[in-house]
């Protein structure tokens, strides 16, 4: 069984540039977890949202990679989770050309 929360939106200070450390900007996160076949308890998706919100509330955040890794590792620590996939998207990236967003994806299999 896979449980997914798609398009969670937060407004946080994220990035290493001076203006990114001061001005909050949107951050979008998808989290999917796979439950191991022998898991007998129920995983409340509110716990997944709370885990995600807790990690992004620690702003200012430096790198998207850190955010995705921390959320994936936290999800793997939940009972019955055998796999986690986290995608973190930042739509406002300071580049010289058009860009919809920068995205980091982290996947964790069960160790």
C-alpha atoms as a PDB file:
ATOM      1  CA  UNK A   1       0.000   0.000   0.000  1.00  0.00           C
ATOM      2  CA  UNK A   2       1.219   3.477  -0.901  1.00  0.00           C
ATOM      3  CA  UNK A   3       0.098   6.610   0.906  1.00  0.00           C
ATOM      4  CA  UNK A   4       0.795   9.928  -0.845  1.00  0.00           C
ATOM      5  CA  UNK A   5       0.386  13.546   0.096  1.00  0.00           C
ATOM      6  CA  UNK A   6       0.819  15.581  -3.080  1.00  0.00           C
ATOM      7  CA  UNK A   7       1.336  19.311  -3.387  1.00  0.00           C
ATOM      8  CA  UNK A   8       1.712  20.276   0.267  1.00  0.00           C
ATOM      9  CA  UNK A   9       2.423  24.000   0.214  1.00  0.00           C
ATOM     10  CA  UNK A  10       4.430  25.997   2.702  1.00  0.00           C
ATOM     11  CA  UNK A  11       5.710  29.569   2.768  1.00  0.00           C
ATOM     12  CA  UNK A  12       9.228  29.579   4.257  1.00  0.00           C
ATOM     13  CA  UNK A  13      12.630  31.200   4.083  1.00  0.00           C
ATOM     14  CA  UNK A  14      14.661  28.779   1.984  1.00  0.00           C
ATOM     15  CA  UNK A  15      17.964  29.174   0.168  1.00  0.00           C
ATOM     16  CA  UNK A  16      21.455  30.501   0.779  1.00  0.00           C
ATOM     17  CA  UNK A  17      21.268  33.858  -1.002  1.00  0.00           C
ATOM     18  CA  UNK A  18      20.836  36.908   1.257  1.00  0.00           C
ATOM     19  CA  UNK A  19      17.320  37.746   0.019  1.00  0.00           C
ATOM     20  CA  UNK A  20      16.255  34.081   0.426  1.00  0.00           C
ATOM     21  CA  UNK A  21      17.284  34.219   4.094  1.00  0.00           C
ATOM     22  CA  UNK A  22      14.997  37.214   4.709  1.00  0.00           C
ATOM     23  CA  UNK A  23      11.931  36.845   2.466  1.00  0.00           C
ATOM     24  CA  UNK A  24       9.665  33.772   2.699  1.00  0.00           C
ATOM     25  CA  UNK A  25       8.806  32.032  -0.558  1.00  0.00           C
ATOM     26  CA  UNK A  26       6.640  29.096  -1.603  1.00  0.00           C
ATOM     27  CA  UNK A  27       7.857  25.534  -1.249  1.00  0.00           C
ATOM     28  CA  UNK A  28       5.870  22.544  -2.519  1.00  0.00           C
ATOM     29  CA  UNK A  29       6.409  19.013  -1.220  1.00  0.00           C
ATOM     30  CA  UNK A  30       5.149  15.566  -2.231  1.00  0.00           C
ATOM     31  CA  UNK A  31       5.598  12.658   0.174  1.00  0.00           C
ATOM     32  CA  UNK A  32       4.806   9.047  -0.659  1.00  0.00           C
ATOM     33  CA  UNK A  33       5.406   6.132   1.673  1.00  0.00           C
ATOM     34  CA  UNK A  34       5.065   2.435   0.979  1.00  0.00           C
ATOM     35  CA  UNK A  35       3.815   0.260   3.792  1.00  0.00           C
ATOM     36  CA  UNK A  36       5.479  -3.111   4.294  1.00  0.00           C
ATOM     37  CA  UNK A  37       3.157  -6.039   3.530  1.00  0.00           C
ATOM     38  CA  UNK A  38       3.299  -7.239   7.134  1.00  0.00           C
ATOM     39  CA  UNK A  39       2.316  -3.864   8.630  1.00  0.00           C
ATOM     40  CA  UNK A  40      -0.835  -4.395  10.681  1.00  0.00           C
ATOM     41  CA  UNK A  41      -1.313  -0.918  12.131  1.00  0.00           C
ATOM     42  CA  UNK A  42      -2.806   2.048  10.318  1.00  0.00           C
ATOM     43  CA  UNK A  43      -0.645   5.002   9.323  1.00  0.00           C
ATOM     44  CA  UNK A  44      -2.602   8.204   9.740  1.00  0.00           C
ATOM     45  CA  UNK A  45      -1.749  10.571   6.885  1.00  0.00           C
ATOM     46  CA  UNK A  46      -1.942  13.454   9.362  1.00  0.00           C
ATOM     47  CA  UNK A  47       1.289  12.096  10.862  1.00  0.00           C
ATOM     48  CA  UNK A  48       2.940  12.423   7.450  1.00  0.00           C
ATOM     49  CA  UNK A  49       1.757  16.016   7.104  1.00  0.00           C
ATOM     50  CA  UNK A  50       2.899  16.887  10.623  1.00  0.00           C
ATOM     51  CA  UNK A  51       6.318  15.331   9.981  1.00  0.00           C
ATOM     52  CA  UNK A  52       6.694  17.435   6.833  1.00  0.00           C
ATOM     53  CA  UNK A  53       5.434  20.642   8.456  1.00  0.00           C
ATOM     54  CA  UNK A  54       7.787  20.149  11.398  1.00  0.00           C
ATOM     55  CA  UNK A  55      10.836  19.963   9.136  1.00  0.00           C
ATOM     56  CA  UNK A  56       9.972  22.997   7.038  1.00  0.00           C
ATOM     57  CA  UNK A  57       9.104  25.092  10.093  1.00  0.00           C
ATOM     58  CA  UNK A  58      12.782  25.080  11.056  1.00  0.00           C
ATOM     59  CA  UNK A  59      13.473  28.016   8.794  1.00  0.00           C
ATOM     60  CA  UNK A  60      15.552  29.508   7.480  1.00  0.00           C
ATOM     61  CA  UNK A  61      16.269  26.380   5.453  1.00  0.00           C
ATOM     62  CA  UNK A  62      19.504  26.098   3.491  1.00  0.00           C
ATOM     63  CA  UNK A  63      19.242  23.468   0.765  1.00  0.00           C
ATOM     64  CA  UNK A  64      16.332  21.574  -0.741  1.00  0.00           C
ATOM     65  CA  UNK A  65      18.423  18.394  -0.490  1.00  0.00           C
ATOM     66  CA  UNK A  66      18.551  18.736   3.294  1.00  0.00           C
ATOM     67  CA  UNK A  67      14.806  19.264   3.530  1.00  0.00           C
ATOM     68  CA  UNK A  68      14.009  16.231   1.349  1.00  0.00           C
ATOM     69  CA  UNK A  69      16.519  14.011   3.170  1.00  0.00           C
ATOM     70  CA  UNK A  70      15.233  14.923   6.629  1.00  0.00           C
ATOM     71  CA  UNK A  71      11.616  14.284   5.648  1.00  0.00           C
ATOM     72  CA  UNK A  72      12.466  10.964   3.972  1.00  0.00           C
ATOM     73  CA  UNK A  73      14.473   9.793   6.982  1.00  0.00           C
ATOM     74  CA  UNK A  74      11.662  10.840   9.320  1.00  0.00           C
ATOM     75  CA  UNK A  75       9.112   8.939   7.241  1.00  0.00           C
ATOM     76  CA  UNK A  76      11.295   5.821   7.261  1.00  0.00           C
ATOM     77  CA  UNK A  77      11.281   5.926  11.080  1.00  0.00           C
ATOM     78  CA  UNK A  78       7.488   5.548  11.171  1.00  0.00           C
ATOM     79  CA  UNK A  79       6.089   2.131  11.995  1.00  0.00           C
ATOM     80  CA  UNK A  80       5.536  -0.131   9.001  1.00  0.00           C
ATOM     81  CA  UNK A  81       7.120   2.160   6.398  1.00  0.00           C
ATOM     82  CA  UNK A  82       9.399   0.301   3.990  1.00  0.00           C
ATOM     83  CA  UNK A  83       9.990   3.018   1.400  1.00  0.00           C
ATOM     84  CA  UNK A  84       9.736   6.805   1.198  1.00  0.00           C
ATOM     85  CA  UNK A  85       9.873   9.220  -1.718  1.00  0.00           C
ATOM     86  CA  UNK A  86      10.036  12.974  -1.183  1.00  0.00           C
ATOM     87  CA  UNK A  87       9.953  15.628  -3.900  1.00  0.00           C
ATOM     88  CA  UNK A  88      10.657  19.221  -2.863  1.00  0.00           C
ATOM     89  CA  UNK A  89       9.934  21.978  -5.396  1.00  0.00           C
ATOM     90  CA  UNK A  90      10.965  25.619  -5.233  1.00  0.00           C
ATOM     91  CA  UNK A  91       9.198  27.731  -7.873  1.00  0.00           C
ATOM     92  CA  UNK A  92      11.108  30.966  -7.325  1.00  0.00           C
ATOM     93  CA  UNK A  93      14.693  30.235  -8.309  1.00  0.00           C
ATOM     94  CA  UNK A  94      17.134  33.016  -9.153  1.00  0.00           C
ATOM     95  CA  UNK A  95      18.295  31.979 -12.628  1.00  0.00           C
ATOM     96  CA  UNK A  96      18.765  33.955 -15.826  1.00  0.00           C
ATOM     97  CA  UNK A  97      16.015  32.236 -17.786  1.00  0.00           C
ATOM     98  CA  UNK A  98      12.459  30.949 -17.485  1.00  0.00           C
ATOM     99  CA  UNK A  99      11.968  28.033 -15.126  1.00  0.00           C
ATOM    100  CA  UNK A 100       8.848  26.479 -13.618  1.00  0.00           C
ATOM    101  CA  UNK A 101      10.682  25.230 -10.522  1.00  0.00           C
ATOM    102  CA  UNK A 102      13.753  23.483  -9.146  1.00  0.00           C
ATOM    103  CA  UNK A 103      13.034  20.024  -7.745  1.00  0.00           C
ATOM    104  CA  UNK A 104      14.951  17.628  -5.534  1.00  0.00           C
ATOM    105  CA  UNK A 105      13.784  14.014  -5.157  1.00  0.00           C
ATOM    106  CA  UNK A 106      15.009  11.702  -2.403  1.00  0.00           C
ATOM    107  CA  UNK A 107      14.041   8.048  -2.160  1.00  0.00           C
ATOM    108  CA  UNK A 108      14.747   5.758   0.752  1.00  0.00           C
ATOM    109  CA  UNK A 109      14.275   1.992   0.650  1.00  0.00           C
ATOM    110  CA  UNK A 110      14.004   0.077   3.909  1.00  0.00           C
ATOM    111  CA  UNK A 111      17.474  -0.614   5.283  1.00  0.00           C
END
